[in-house]
Amino acid sequence: MTDSIIPEPNEMKKGVQPIDKVMTDLGLSDTAFVDKSYKKLSFRLVAKARKGRRLKHRNQTLIMRVLNECYPDKNFTVEDLF
């Protein structure tokens, strides 16, 4: 069967995302980001976000909310980060 619902491996990778630059500019490591979050956030999820792996919208929103809670003076949107 040629029609598959499983995406090709290259479709899953979107390249380094803007969140990587934002976190680097803020001096925020994956460990520090996970430690600052009180929500259920894993190192794996943060690493996937930074490397550009495809994430569900709810995970993108979760990462955005944690980043906005850590830095309330900045107002990040999902579009700013992904």
Protein backbone atom coordinates (compact mmCIF):
# COMPACT_ATOMS: atom_id res chain seq x y z
CA MET A 1 0.00 0.00 0.00
CA THR A 2 1.59 3.25 -1.10
CA ASP A 3 -0.67 5.63 0.80
CA SER A 4 0.62 5.79 4.35
CA ILE A 5 -0.46 7.92 7.27
CA ILE A 6 3.01 7.68 8.78
CA PRO A 7 5.03 10.75 7.72
CA GLU A 8 8.39 10.34 6.08
CA PRO A 9 11.37 10.92 8.41
CA ASN A 10 12.32 14.16 6.63
CA GLU A 11 8.80 15.53 7.14
CA MET A 12 9.27 15.21 10.90
CA LYS A 13 12.36 17.45 10.93
CA LYS A 14 11.84 21.16 10.46
CA GLY A 15 15.36 22.35 11.24
CA VAL A 16 16.52 24.47 14.17
CA GLN A 17 13.61 26.53 15.45
CA PRO A 18 13.54 30.17 16.63
CA ILE A 19 13.04 28.92 20.21
CA ASP A 20 16.65 27.75 20.12
CA LYS A 21 17.88 31.30 19.46
CA VAL A 22 15.50 32.75 22.08
CA MET A 23 16.71 30.32 24.74
CA THR A 24 20.35 30.89 23.78
CA ASP A 25 19.91 34.68 23.93
CA LEU A 26 18.31 34.36 27.37
CA GLY A 27 21.14 32.07 28.53
CA LEU A 28 18.62 29.36 29.25
CA SER A 29 19.70 25.73 29.02
CA ASP A 30 17.31 22.82 28.63
CA THR A 31 17.96 21.84 32.25
CA ALA A 32 17.26 25.33 33.59
CA PHE A 33 14.11 25.60 31.49
CA VAL A 34 12.72 22.29 32.76
CA ASP A 35 13.68 23.18 36.34
CA LYS A 36 11.88 26.55 36.11
CA SER A 37 8.68 24.99 34.84
CA TYR A 38 6.13 23.74 37.31
CA LYS A 39 4.14 22.12 34.51
CA LYS A 40 4.82 18.66 33.18
CA LEU A 41 7.70 19.46 30.88
CA SER A 42 10.40 16.98 29.94
CA PHE A 43 13.95 17.37 28.71
CA ARG A 44 13.00 15.32 25.68
CA LEU A 45 10.21 17.70 24.72
CA VAL A 46 12.46 20.76 25.05
CA ALA A 47 15.20 19.08 23.01
CA LYS A 48 12.70 18.17 20.30
CA ALA A 49 11.45 21.75 20.20
CA ARG A 50 14.93 23.19 19.85
CA LYS A 51 16.02 20.72 17.16
CA GLY A 52 12.91 21.25 15.10
CA ARG A 53 11.14 17.94 15.51
CA ARG A 54 7.43 18.14 14.80
CA LEU A 55 5.44 18.86 17.97
CA LYS A 56 1.73 18.86 18.57
CA HIS A 57 0.19 22.29 18.99
CA ARG A 58 -0.58 21.62 22.66
CA ASN A 59 3.12 20.94 23.33
CA GLN A 60 4.11 24.11 21.48
CA THR A 61 1.60 26.04 23.58
CA LEU A 62 2.89 24.44 26.78
CA ILE A 63 6.47 25.48 25.99
CA MET A 64 5.30 29.00 25.12
CA ARG A 65 3.39 29.32 28.41
CA VAL A 66 6.35 28.14 30.48
CA LEU A 67 8.65 30.58 28.69
CA ASN A 68 6.19 33.44 29.26
CA GLU A 69 5.90 32.51 32.95
CA CYS A 70 9.68 32.50 33.31
CA TYR A 71 10.01 35.87 31.55
CA PRO A 72 6.78 37.84 32.12
CA ASP A 73 8.29 41.02 30.64
CA LYS A 74 8.42 39.32 27.25
CA ASN A 75 5.31 38.17 25.42
CA PHE A 76 6.16 35.21 23.19
CA THR A 77 3.67 33.65 20.82
CA VAL A 78 3.77 30.19 19.24
CA GLU A 79 4.62 31.86 15.93
CA ASP A 80 7.64 33.56 17.57
CA LEU A 81 9.02 30.24 18.76
CA PHE A 82 8.14 27.67 16.09
